[in-house]
Amino acid sequence: MTQTELGHAAGISQRMVAYYELESAQPPGALLVDFARALTESADALLGLTPTTERVSPKTARLLKRLTRRLRAPAR
């Protein structure tokens, strides 16, 4: 899944997806459900509370890893 595809599925722009992947940006909690649905993962998995599934393409896995790392980071 590309940033553009994720943005479309979550109702935001590709530019916002790229912004949320940065270490200094944290997506709002309201997007968690949209990201989880688009990535076919649970919100718990995105927050690091349960393991993520391994049935995604390598491109989606990279995007999922970056977003998950950002969602797990403490708010600044």
Protein backbone atom coordinates (compact mmCIF):
# COMPACT_ATOMS: atom_id res chain seq x y z
CA MET A 1 0.00 0.00 0.00
CA THR A 2 1.31 3.41 -0.89
CA GLN A 3 0.95 6.62 1.08
CA THR A 4 -1.56 7.79 -1.51
CA GLU A 5 -3.65 4.63 -1.12
CA LEU A 6 -3.56 4.86 2.67
CA GLY A 7 -4.47 8.53 2.55
CA HIS A 8 -7.40 7.82 0.26
CA ALA A 9 -8.62 4.99 2.52
CA ALA A 10 -8.27 7.15 5.64
CA GLY A 11 -9.76 10.27 4.06
CA ILE A 12 -6.57 12.34 4.22
CA SER A 13 -3.97 13.41 1.67
CA GLN A 14 -0.76 11.56 0.83
CA ARG A 15 1.09 14.58 2.17
CA MET A 16 -0.54 14.14 5.59
CA VAL A 17 0.38 10.43 5.64
CA ALA A 18 4.00 11.38 4.90
CA TYR A 19 3.86 14.00 7.65
CA TYR A 20 2.60 11.44 10.18
CA GLU A 21 5.47 9.12 9.32
CA LEU A 22 8.00 11.69 10.52
CA GLU A 23 9.46 11.20 13.97
CA SER A 24 8.25 14.64 15.06
CA ALA A 25 4.62 14.13 14.00
CA GLN A 26 1.93 12.13 15.78
CA PRO A 27 -1.39 11.42 14.07
CA PRO A 28 -4.55 12.30 15.98
CA GLY A 29 -6.27 9.41 17.73
CA ALA A 30 -9.32 9.81 15.51
CA LEU A 31 -7.29 8.50 12.55
CA LEU A 32 -6.32 5.31 14.37
CA VAL A 33 -9.48 3.46 13.34
CA ASP A 34 -9.15 4.63 9.72
CA PHE A 35 -5.50 3.53 9.57
CA ALA A 36 -6.33 0.18 11.18
CA ARG A 37 -9.11 -0.50 8.67
CA ALA A 38 -7.00 0.53 5.70
CA LEU A 39 -4.07 -1.61 6.82
CA THR A 40 -6.30 -4.53 7.90
CA GLU A 41 -4.79 -4.46 11.38
CA SER A 42 -6.36 -3.93 14.77
CA ALA A 43 -5.99 -0.62 16.55
CA ASP A 44 -4.34 -2.59 19.37
CA ALA A 45 -1.70 -3.85 16.92
CA LEU A 46 -1.00 -0.32 15.67
CA LEU A 47 -0.54 0.82 19.27
CA GLY A 48 1.77 -2.10 20.03
CA LEU A 49 -0.59 -3.81 22.46
CA THR A 50 -0.82 -6.99 20.36
CA PRO A 51 1.44 -8.36 17.63
CA THR A 52 0.76 -7.31 14.05
CA THR A 53 -0.24 -9.85 11.45
CA GLU A 54 2.27 -10.92 8.85
CA ARG A 55 -0.07 -11.25 5.86
CA VAL A 56 0.70 -7.93 4.21
CA SER A 57 2.82 -7.02 1.20
CA PRO A 58 6.37 -5.76 1.81
CA LYS A 59 5.37 -2.23 0.78
CA THR A 60 2.44 -2.22 3.21
CA ALA A 61 4.62 -3.76 5.92
CA ARG A 62 7.10 -0.86 5.65
CA LEU A 63 4.32 1.71 5.86
CA LEU A 64 2.71 -0.16 8.74
CA LYS A 65 6.01 -0.31 10.61
CA ARG A 66 6.62 3.44 10.27
CA LEU A 67 3.09 4.36 11.35
CA THR A 68 3.11 1.88 14.23
CA ARG A 69 6.43 3.27 15.48
CA ARG A 70 4.98 6.77 15.33
CA LEU A 71 1.73 5.81 17.09
CA ARG A 72 3.66 4.09 19.89
CA ALA A 73 5.82 7.15 20.55
CA PRO A 74 4.88 9.28 23.54
CA ALA A 75 3.24 12.61 22.77
CA ARG A 76 5.57 15.60 22.90
